[in-house]
PDB file of all heavy atoms in Angstrom:
ATOM      1  N   THR A   1       0.818  -1.214  -0.054  1.00  0.00           N
ATOM      2  CA  THR A   1       0.015   0.025  -0.047  1.00  0.00           C
ATOM      3  C   THR A   1       0.882   1.288  -0.048  1.00  0.00           C
ATOM      4  O   THR A   1       0.495   2.190  -0.709  1.00  0.00           O
ATOM      5  CB  THR A   1      -0.875   0.008   1.188  1.00  0.00           C
ATOM      6  OG1 THR A   1      -1.830  -1.251   1.194  1.00  0.00           O
ATOM      7  CG2 THR A   1      -1.739   1.247   1.314  1.00  0.00           C
ATOM      8  N   VAL A   2       1.979   1.164   0.752  1.00  0.00           N
ATOM      9  CA  VAL A   2       2.826   2.398   0.818  1.00  0.00           C
ATOM     10  C   VAL A   2       3.455   2.655  -0.555  1.00  0.00           C
ATOM     11  O   VAL A   2       3.580   3.766  -0.966  1.00  0.00           O
ATOM     12  CB  VAL A   2       3.974   2.225   1.922  1.00  0.00           C
ATOM     13  CG1 VAL A   2       5.031   3.330   1.836  1.00  0.00           C
ATOM     14  CG2 VAL A   2       3.255   2.217   3.296  1.00  0.00           C
ATOM     15  N   ALA A   3       3.849   1.563  -1.162  1.00  0.00           N
ATOM     16  CA  ALA A   3       4.503   1.782  -2.544  1.00  0.00           C
ATOM     17  C   ALA A   3       3.461   2.250  -3.491  1.00  0.00           C
ATOM     18  O   ALA A   3       3.735   3.030  -4.360  1.00  0.00           O
ATOM     19  CB  ALA A   3       5.033   0.373  -3.041  1.00  0.00           C
ATOM     20  N   GLU A   4       2.170   1.694  -3.415  1.00  0.00           N
ATOM     21  CA  GLU A   4       1.132   2.129  -4.281  1.00  0.00           C
ATOM     22  C   GLU A   4       0.738   3.607  -4.013  1.00  0.00           C
ATOM     23  O   GLU A   4       0.272   4.367  -4.888  1.00  0.00           O
ATOM     24  CB  GLU A   4      -0.075   1.169  -4.190  1.00  0.00           C
ATOM     25  CG  GLU A   4      -1.153   1.518  -5.115  1.00  0.00           C
ATOM     26  CD  GLU A   4      -0.869   1.229  -6.568  1.00  0.00           C
ATOM     27  OE1 GLU A   4       0.263   0.645  -6.806  1.00  0.00           O
ATOM     28  OE2 GLU A   4      -1.637   1.662  -7.448  1.00  0.00           O
ATOM     29  N   ARG A   5       0.822   4.046  -2.727  1.00  0.00           N
ATOM     30  CA  ARG A   5       0.606   5.527  -2.341  1.00  0.00           C
ATOM     31  C   ARG A   5       1.514   6.373  -3.122  1.00  0.00           C
ATOM     32  O   ARG A   5       1.151   7.341  -3.617  1.00  0.00           O
ATOM     33  CB  ARG A   5       0.800   5.636  -0.887  1.00  0.00           C
ATOM     34  CG  ARG A   5       0.472   6.962  -0.319  1.00  0.00           C
ATOM     35  CD  ARG A   5       0.733   7.111   1.138  1.00  0.00           C
ATOM     36  NE  ARG A   5       2.124   7.079   1.438  1.00  0.00           N
ATOM     37  CZ  ARG A   5       2.663   6.689   2.664  1.00  0.00           C
ATOM     38  NH1 ARG A   5       1.868   6.349   3.533  1.00  0.00           N
ATOM     39  NH2 ARG A   5       3.997   6.663   2.842  1.00  0.00           N
ATOM     40  N   ARG A   6       2.794   5.902  -3.139  1.00  0.00           N
ATOM     41  CA  ARG A   6       3.818   6.759  -3.912  1.00  0.00           C
ATOM     42  C   ARG A   6       3.403   6.809  -5.399  1.00  0.00           C
ATOM     43  O   ARG A   6       3.457   7.933  -6.060  1.00  0.00           O
ATOM     44  CB  ARG A   6       5.244   6.240  -3.805  1.00  0.00           C
ATOM     45  CG  ARG A   6       5.727   6.385  -2.247  1.00  0.00           C
ATOM     46  CD  ARG A   6       7.291   6.149  -2.309  1.00  0.00           C
ATOM     47  NE  ARG A   6       7.432   4.661  -2.518  1.00  0.00           N
ATOM     48  CZ  ARG A   6       7.606   3.768  -1.505  1.00  0.00           C
ATOM     49  NH1 ARG A   6       7.542   4.237  -0.227  1.00  0.00           N
ATOM     50  NH2 ARG A   6       7.938   2.579  -1.795  1.00  0.00           N
ATOM     51  N   ARG A   7       3.065   5.623  -6.106  1.00  0.00           N
ATOM     52  CA  ARG A   7       2.699   5.693  -7.323  1.00  0.00           C
ATOM     53  C   ARG A   7       1.533   6.518  -7.697  1.00  0.00           C
ATOM     54  O   ARG A   7       1.382   7.318  -8.709  1.00  0.00           O
ATOM     55  CB  ARG A   7       2.578   4.208  -7.824  1.00  0.00           C
ATOM     56  CG  ARG A   7       2.456   4.060  -9.382  1.00  0.00           C
ATOM     57  CD  ARG A   7       2.232   2.567  -9.703  1.00  0.00           C
ATOM     58  NE  ARG A   7       0.747   2.289  -9.416  1.00  0.00           N
ATOM     59  CZ  ARG A   7      -0.251   2.497 -10.284  1.00  0.00           C
ATOM     60  NH1 ARG A   7       0.038   3.157 -11.467  1.00  0.00           N
ATOM     61  NH2 ARG A   7      -1.493   2.249  -9.872  1.00  0.00           N
ATOM     62  N   LEU A   8       0.446   6.368  -6.830  1.00  0.00           N
ATOM     63  CA  LEU A   8      -0.791   7.071  -7.063  1.00  0.00           C
ATOM     64  C   LEU A   8      -0.608   8.548  -6.901  1.00  0.00           C
ATOM     65  O   LEU A   8      -1.084   9.353  -7.775  1.00  0.00           O
ATOM     66  CB  LEU A   8      -1.742   6.676  -6.042  1.00  0.00           C
ATOM     67  CG  LEU A   8      -3.180   7.309  -6.111  1.00  0.00           C
ATOM     68  CD1 LEU A   8      -3.801   7.216  -7.456  1.00  0.00           C
ATOM     69  CD2 LEU A   8      -4.103   6.843  -5.023  1.00  0.00           C
ATOM     70  N   ALA A   9       0.255   9.015  -5.933  1.00  0.00           N
ATOM     71  CA  ALA A   9       0.569  10.359  -5.746  1.00  0.00           C
ATOM     72  C   ALA A   9       1.251  10.977  -6.993  1.00  0.00           C
ATOM     73  O   ALA A   9       0.803  12.074  -7.535  1.00  0.00           O
ATOM     74  CB  ALA A   9       1.427  10.564  -4.476  1.00  0.00           C
ATOM     75  N   ALA A  10       2.246  10.237  -7.550  1.00  0.00           N
ATOM     76  CA  ALA A  10       2.837  10.679  -8.764  1.00  0.00           C
ATOM     77  C   ALA A  10       1.922  10.750  -9.922  1.00  0.00           C
ATOM     78  O   ALA A  10       1.894  11.766 -10.708  1.00  0.00           O
ATOM     79  CB  ALA A  10       4.012   9.744  -9.085  1.00  0.00           C
ATOM     80  N   GLY A  11       0.996   9.855 -10.035  1.00  0.00           N
ATOM     81  CA  GLY A  11       0.027   9.887 -11.083  1.00  0.00           C
ATOM     82  C   GLY A  11      -0.934  11.030 -10.983  1.00  0.00           C
ATOM     83  O   GLY A  11      -1.291  11.757 -11.965  1.00  0.00           O
ATOM     84  N   LEU A  12      -1.298  11.313  -9.790  1.00  0.00           N
ATOM     85  CA  LEU A  12      -2.240  12.412  -9.479  1.00  0.00           C
ATOM     86  C   LEU A  12      -1.582  13.798  -9.742  1.00  0.00           C
ATOM     87  O   LEU A  12      -2.209  14.684 -10.349  1.00  0.00           O
ATOM     88  CB  LEU A  12      -2.803  12.388  -8.067  1.00  0.00           C
ATOM     89  CG  LEU A  12      -3.736  11.319  -7.749  1.00  0.00           C
ATOM     90  CD1 LEU A  12      -3.894  11.141  -6.210  1.00  0.00           C
ATOM     91  CD2 LEU A  12      -5.164  11.552  -8.342  1.00  0.00           C
ATOM     92  N   GLU A  13      -0.325  13.897  -9.379  1.00  0.00           N
ATOM     93  CA  GLU A  13       0.378  15.216  -9.601  1.00  0.00           C
ATOM     94  C   GLU A  13       0.618  15.518 -11.000  1.00  0.00           C
ATOM     95  O   GLU A  13       0.697  16.679 -11.400  1.00  0.00           O
ATOM     96  CB  GLU A  13       1.755  15.145  -8.862  1.00  0.00           C
ATOM     97  CG  GLU A  13       1.645  15.128  -7.389  1.00  0.00           C
ATOM     98  CD  GLU A  13       2.950  14.817  -6.680  1.00  0.00           C
ATOM     99  OE1 GLU A  13       3.821  14.230  -7.303  1.00  0.00           O
ATOM    100  OE2 GLU A  13       3.111  15.239  -5.487  1.00  0.00           O
ATOM    101  N   SER A  14       0.535  14.511 -11.927  1.00  0.00           N
ATOM    102  CA  SER A  14       0.698  14.765 -13.358  1.00  0.00           C
ATOM    103  C   SER A  14      -0.569  15.189 -14.114  1.00  0.00           C
ATOM    104  O   SER A  14      -0.636  15.574 -15.295  1.00  0.00           O
ATOM    105  CB  SER A  14       1.201  13.448 -14.030  1.00  0.00           C
ATOM    106  OG  SER A  14       0.195  12.378 -14.150  1.00  0.00           O
ATOM    107  N   LEU A  15      -1.743  15.161 -13.276  1.00  0.00           N
ATOM    108  CA  LEU A  15      -2.973  15.420 -13.961  1.00  0.00           C
ATOM    109  C   LEU A  15      -3.228  17.023 -13.933  1.00  0.00           C
ATOM    110  O   LEU A  15      -3.062  17.702 -12.963  1.00  0.00           O
ATOM    111  CB  LEU A  15      -4.127  14.827 -13.209  1.00  0.00           C
ATOM    112  CG  LEU A  15      -4.092  13.264 -13.150  1.00  0.00           C
ATOM    113  CD1 LEU A  15      -5.290  12.734 -12.359  1.00  0.00           C
ATOM    114  CD2 LEU A  15      -4.098  12.646 -14.551  1.00  0.00           C
ATOM    115  N   PRO A  16      -3.724  17.498 -15.078  1.00  0.00           N
ATOM    116  CA  PRO A  16      -4.024  18.906 -15.173  1.00  0.00           C
ATOM    117  C   PRO A  16      -5.105  19.382 -14.181  1.00  0.00           C
ATOM    118  O   PRO A  16      -5.139  20.514 -13.730  1.00  0.00           O
ATOM    119  CB  PRO A  16      -4.551  19.147 -16.597  1.00  0.00           C
ATOM    120  CG  PRO A  16      -3.944  17.988 -17.418  1.00  0.00           C
ATOM    121  CD  PRO A  16      -3.891  16.815 -16.444  1.00  0.00           C
ATOM    122  N   ALA A  17      -5.968  18.561 -13.777  1.00  0.00           N
ATOM    123  CA  ALA A  17      -7.097  18.786 -12.897  1.00  0.00           C
ATOM    124  C   ALA A  17      -6.650  18.909 -11.422  1.00  0.00           C
ATOM    125  O   ALA A  17      -7.375  19.471 -10.563  1.00  0.00           O
ATOM    126  CB  ALA A  17      -8.199  17.846 -12.974  1.00  0.00           C
ATOM    127  N   VAL A  18      -5.425  18.508 -11.189  1.00  0.00           N
ATOM    128  CA  VAL A  18      -4.857  18.497  -9.800  1.00  0.00           C
ATOM    129  C   VAL A  18      -3.923  19.730  -9.628  1.00  0.00           C
ATOM    130  O   VAL A  18      -2.968  19.890 -10.319  1.00  0.00           O
ATOM    131  CB  VAL A  18      -4.156  17.153  -9.480  1.00  0.00           C
ATOM    132  CG1 VAL A  18      -3.535  17.252  -8.121  1.00  0.00           C
ATOM    133  CG2 VAL A  18      -5.147  15.965  -9.502  1.00  0.00           C
ATOM    134  N   ARG A  19      -4.150  20.372  -8.480  1.00  0.00           N
ATOM    135  CA  ARG A  19      -3.329  21.514  -8.172  1.00  0.00           C
ATOM    136  C   ARG A  19      -2.179  20.948  -7.200  1.00  0.00           C
ATOM    137  O   ARG A  19      -1.073  21.352  -7.325  1.00  0.00           O
ATOM    138  CB  ARG A  19      -4.117  22.519  -7.389  1.00  0.00           C
ATOM    139  CG  ARG A  19      -4.954  23.517  -8.206  1.00  0.00           C
ATOM    140  CD  ARG A  19      -5.120  24.841  -7.380  1.00  0.00           C
ATOM    141  NE  ARG A  19      -6.030  25.706  -8.055  1.00  0.00           N
ATOM    142  CZ  ARG A  19      -7.344  25.891  -7.696  1.00  0.00           C
ATOM    143  NH1 ARG A  19      -7.724  25.261  -6.693  1.00  0.00           N
ATOM    144  NH2 ARG A  19      -8.122  26.699  -8.437  1.00  0.00           N
ATOM    145  N   ARG A  20      -2.503  20.101  -6.221  1.00  0.00           N
ATOM    146  CA  ARG A  20      -1.576  19.668  -5.292  1.00  0.00           C
ATOM    147  C   ARG A  20      -1.887  18.343  -4.584  1.00  0.00           C
ATOM    148  O   ARG A  20      -3.042  18.149  -4.305  1.00  0.00           O
ATOM    149  CB  ARG A  20      -1.361  20.827  -4.145  1.00  0.00           C
ATOM    150  CG  ARG A  20      -0.304  20.522  -3.182  1.00  0.00           C
ATOM    151  CD  ARG A  20      -0.189  21.672  -2.148  1.00  0.00           C
ATOM    152  NE  ARG A  20       0.850  21.458  -1.182  1.00  0.00           N
ATOM    153  CZ  ARG A  20       1.138  22.150  -0.151  1.00  0.00           C
ATOM    154  NH1 ARG A  20       0.266  23.318   0.078  1.00  0.00           N
ATOM    155  NH2 ARG A  20       2.000  22.055   0.677  1.00  0.00           N
ATOM    156  N   VAL A  21      -0.834  17.573  -4.264  1.00  0.00           N
ATOM    157  CA  VAL A  21      -1.109  16.305  -3.502  1.00  0.00           C
ATOM    158  C   VAL A  21      -0.255  16.535  -2.218  1.00  0.00           C
ATOM    159  O   VAL A  21       0.969  16.774  -2.294  1.00  0.00           O
ATOM    160  CB  VAL A  21      -0.597  15.067  -4.273  1.00  0.00           C
ATOM    161  CG1 VAL A  21      -0.752  13.848  -3.342  1.00  0.00           C
ATOM    162  CG2 VAL A  21      -1.364  14.964  -5.535  1.00  0.00           C
ATOM    163  N   PHE A  22      -0.836  16.570  -1.148  1.00  0.00           N
ATOM    164  CA  PHE A  22      -0.178  16.826   0.069  1.00  0.00           C
ATOM    165  C   PHE A  22       0.539  15.555   0.576  1.00  0.00           C
ATOM    166  O   PHE A  22       0.176  14.398   0.331  1.00  0.00           O
ATOM    167  CB  PHE A  22      -1.231  17.282   1.200  1.00  0.00           C
ATOM    168  CG  PHE A  22      -1.878  18.572   1.007  1.00  0.00           C
ATOM    169  CD1 PHE A  22      -2.960  18.727   0.230  1.00  0.00           C
ATOM    170  CD2 PHE A  22      -1.166  19.716   1.468  1.00  0.00           C
ATOM    171  CE1 PHE A  22      -3.546  19.959  -0.012  1.00  0.00           C
ATOM    172  CE2 PHE A  22      -1.615  20.980   1.213  1.00  0.00           C
ATOM    173  CZ  PHE A  22      -2.907  21.050   0.441  1.00  0.00           C
ATOM    174  N   PRO A  23       1.657  15.803   1.287  1.00  0.00           N
ATOM    175  CA  PRO A  23       2.435  14.615   1.834  1.00  0.00           C
ATOM    176  C   PRO A  23       1.526  13.808   2.794  1.00  0.00           C
ATOM    177  O   PRO A  23       0.700  14.304   3.582  1.00  0.00           O
ATOM    178  CB  PRO A  23       3.499  15.238   2.583  1.00  0.00           C
ATOM    179  CG  PRO A  23       3.612  16.651   2.175  1.00  0.00           C
ATOM    180  CD  PRO A  23       2.249  16.985   1.757  1.00  0.00           C
ATOM    181  N   SER A  24       1.686  12.486   2.785  1.00  0.00           N
ATOM    182  CA  SER A  24       0.839  11.573   3.523  1.00  0.00           C
ATOM    183  C   SER A  24       1.694  10.454   4.188  1.00  0.00           C
ATOM    184  O   SER A  24       2.542   9.828   3.490  1.00  0.00           O
ATOM    185  CB  SER A  24      -0.249  11.039   2.792  1.00  0.00           C
ATOM    186  OG  SER A  24      -1.027  10.052   3.548  1.00  0.00           O
ATOM    187  N   GLY A  25       1.341  10.069   5.408  1.00  0.00           N
ATOM    188  CA  GLY A  25       1.974   8.962   6.117  1.00  0.00           C
ATOM    189  C   GLY A  25       0.982   7.941   6.312  1.00  0.00           C
ATOM    190  O   GLY A  25       1.155   6.916   7.145  1.00  0.00           O
ATOM    191  N   ALA A  26      -0.242   8.021   5.719  1.00  0.00           N
ATOM    192  CA  ALA A  26      -1.331   7.136   5.938  1.00  0.00           C
ATOM    193  C   ALA A  26      -1.631   6.322   4.602  1.00  0.00           C
ATOM    194  O   ALA A  26      -0.864   6.302   3.720  1.00  0.00           O
ATOM    195  CB  ALA A  26      -2.543   8.005   6.317  1.00  0.00           C
ATOM    196  N   ASN A  27      -2.817   5.764   4.586  1.00  0.00           N
ATOM    197  CA  ASN A  27      -3.205   4.919   3.450  1.00  0.00           C
ATOM    198  C   ASN A  27      -4.145   5.748   2.552  1.00  0.00           C
ATOM    199  O   ASN A  27      -5.075   5.179   1.816  1.00  0.00           O
ATOM    200  CB  ASN A  27      -3.879   3.581   3.950  1.00  0.00           C
ATOM    201  CG  ASN A  27      -5.227   3.897   4.517  1.00  0.00           C
ATOM    202  OD1 ASN A  27      -5.418   4.826   5.116  1.00  0.00           O
ATOM    203  ND2 ASN A  27      -6.097   2.746   4.390  1.00  0.00           N
ATOM    204  N   PHE A  28      -4.035   7.057   2.625  1.00  0.00           N
ATOM    205  CA  PHE A  28      -4.869   7.931   1.818  1.00  0.00           C
ATOM    206  C   PHE A  28      -4.022   9.114   1.439  1.00  0.00           C
ATOM    207  O   PHE A  28      -2.948   9.361   1.988  1.00  0.00           O
ATOM    208  CB  PHE A  28      -6.143   8.249   2.552  1.00  0.00           C
ATOM    209  CG  PHE A  28      -5.902   8.997   3.786  1.00  0.00           C
ATOM    210  CD1 PHE A  28      -5.563  10.401   3.956  1.00  0.00           C
ATOM    211  CD2 PHE A  28      -5.889   8.235   4.989  1.00  0.00           C
ATOM    212  CE1 PHE A  28      -5.320  10.950   5.109  1.00  0.00           C
ATOM    213  CE2 PHE A  28      -5.605   8.859   6.239  1.00  0.00           C
ATOM    214  CZ  PHE A  28      -5.384  10.272   6.322  1.00  0.00           C
ATOM    215  N   LEU A  29      -4.602   9.926   0.398  1.00  0.00           N
ATOM    216  CA  LEU A  29      -3.913  11.173   0.021  1.00  0.00           C
ATOM    217  C   LEU A  29      -5.031  12.280   0.091  1.00  0.00           C
ATOM    218  O   LEU A  29      -6.071  12.058  -0.419  1.00  0.00           O
ATOM    219  CB  LEU A  29      -3.366  10.923  -1.370  1.00  0.00           C
ATOM    220  CG  LEU A  29      -2.317  10.031  -1.641  1.00  0.00           C
ATOM    221  CD1 LEU A  29      -2.089   9.664  -3.081  1.00  0.00           C
ATOM    222  CD2 LEU A  29      -0.987  10.568  -1.072  1.00  0.00           C
ATOM    223  N   LEU A  30      -4.536  13.415   0.582  1.00  0.00           N
ATOM    224  CA  LEU A  30      -5.394  14.656   0.479  1.00  0.00           C
ATOM    225  C   LEU A  30      -4.989  15.391  -0.781  1.00  0.00           C
ATOM    226  O   LEU A  30      -3.810  15.676  -1.027  1.00  0.00           O
ATOM    227  CB  LEU A  30      -5.218  15.530   1.666  1.00  0.00           C
ATOM    228  CG  LEU A  30      -6.184  16.752   1.677  1.00  0.00           C
ATOM    229  CD1 LEU A  30      -7.598  16.337   1.926  1.00  0.00           C
ATOM    230  CD2 LEU A  30      -5.707  17.780   2.778  1.00  0.00           C
ATOM    231  N   VAL A  31      -5.942  15.608  -1.739  1.00  0.00           N
ATOM    232  CA  VAL A  31      -5.653  16.169  -2.968  1.00  0.00           C
ATOM    233  C   VAL A  31      -6.384  17.491  -3.174  1.00  0.00           C
ATOM    234  O   VAL A  31      -7.591  17.569  -3.041  1.00  0.00           O
ATOM    235  CB  VAL A  31      -6.027  15.173  -4.068  1.00  0.00           C
ATOM    236  CG1 VAL A  31      -5.635  15.714  -5.491  1.00  0.00           C
ATOM    237  CG2 VAL A  31      -5.297  13.810  -3.870  1.00  0.00           C
ATOM    238  N   GLU A  32      -5.652  18.520  -3.542  1.00  0.00           N
ATOM    239  CA  GLU A  32      -6.298  19.825  -3.880  1.00  0.00           C
ATOM    240  C   GLU A  32      -6.619  19.852  -5.353  1.00  0.00           C
ATOM    241  O   GLU A  32      -5.658  19.604  -6.198  1.00  0.00           O
ATOM    242  CB  GLU A  32      -5.385  20.974  -3.522  1.00  0.00           C
ATOM    243  CG  GLU A  32      -5.930  22.416  -3.655  1.00  0.00           C
ATOM    244  CD  GLU A  32      -4.908  23.418  -3.302  1.00  0.00           C
ATOM    245  OE1 GLU A  32      -4.333  23.330  -2.161  1.00  0.00           O
ATOM    246  OE2 GLU A  32      -4.892  24.378  -4.105  1.00  0.00           O
ATOM    247  N   LEU A  33      -7.816  20.167  -5.782  1.00  0.00           N
ATOM    248  CA  LEU A  33      -8.229  20.079  -7.152  1.00  0.00           C
ATOM    249  C   LEU A  33      -8.582  21.500  -7.655  1.00  0.00           C
ATOM    250  O   LEU A  33      -8.964  22.349  -6.839  1.00  0.00           O
ATOM    251  CB  LEU A  33      -9.491  19.159  -7.316  1.00  0.00           C
ATOM    252  CG  LEU A  33      -9.233  17.759  -6.869  1.00  0.00           C
ATOM    253  CD1 LEU A  33     -10.509  17.095  -6.660  1.00  0.00           C
ATOM    254  CD2 LEU A  33      -8.440  16.953  -7.948  1.00  0.00           C
ATOM    255  N   ARG A  34      -8.614  21.553  -9.001  1.00  0.00           N
ATOM    256  CA  ARG A  34      -9.060  22.888  -9.610  1.00  0.00           C
ATOM    257  C   ARG A  34     -10.631  22.978  -9.490  1.00  0.00           C
ATOM    258  O   ARG A  34     -11.123  24.101  -9.428  1.00  0.00           O
ATOM    259  CB  ARG A  34      -8.550  22.919 -11.098  1.00  0.00           C
ATOM    260  CG  ARG A  34      -6.967  22.913 -11.240  1.00  0.00           C
ATOM    261  CD  ARG A  34      -6.559  23.119 -12.609  1.00  0.00           C
ATOM    262  NE  ARG A  34      -5.095  23.072 -12.706  1.00  0.00           N
ATOM    263  CZ  ARG A  34      -4.311  23.952 -12.410  1.00  0.00           C
ATOM    264  NH1 ARG A  34      -4.765  25.098 -11.973  1.00  0.00           N
ATOM    265  NH2 ARG A  34      -3.025  23.792 -12.467  1.00  0.00           N
ATOM    266  N   ASP A  35     -11.248  21.798  -9.564  1.00  0.00           N
ATOM    267  CA  ASP A  35     -12.704  21.840  -9.486  1.00  0.00           C
ATOM    268  C   ASP A  35     -13.197  20.631  -8.763  1.00  0.00           C
ATOM    269  O   ASP A  35     -13.420  19.632  -9.467  1.00  0.00           O
ATOM    270  CB  ASP A  35     -13.349  21.965 -10.929  1.00  0.00           C
ATOM    271  CG  ASP A  35     -14.779  22.218 -10.911  1.00  0.00           C
ATOM    272  OD1 ASP A  35     -15.441  21.979  -9.836  1.00  0.00           O
ATOM    273  OD2 ASP A  35     -15.344  22.645 -11.979  1.00  0.00           O
ATOM    274  N   ALA A  36     -13.336  20.743  -7.518  1.00  0.00           N
ATOM    275  CA  ALA A  36     -13.674  19.528  -6.605  1.00  0.00           C
ATOM    276  C   ALA A  36     -15.058  18.944  -6.950  1.00  0.00           C
ATOM    277  O   ALA A  36     -15.208  17.780  -7.227  1.00  0.00           O
ATOM    278  CB  ALA A  36     -13.533  19.811  -5.131  1.00  0.00           C
TER     279      ALA A  36
END
């Protein structure tokens, strides 16, 4: 899950709809979007 968290974060950061992915030590990510 931790390895997949890193991969998912990188994938989200590459999306035009995403402004920011916050650092996370959990099994989830907080993601700031252009249009939630």
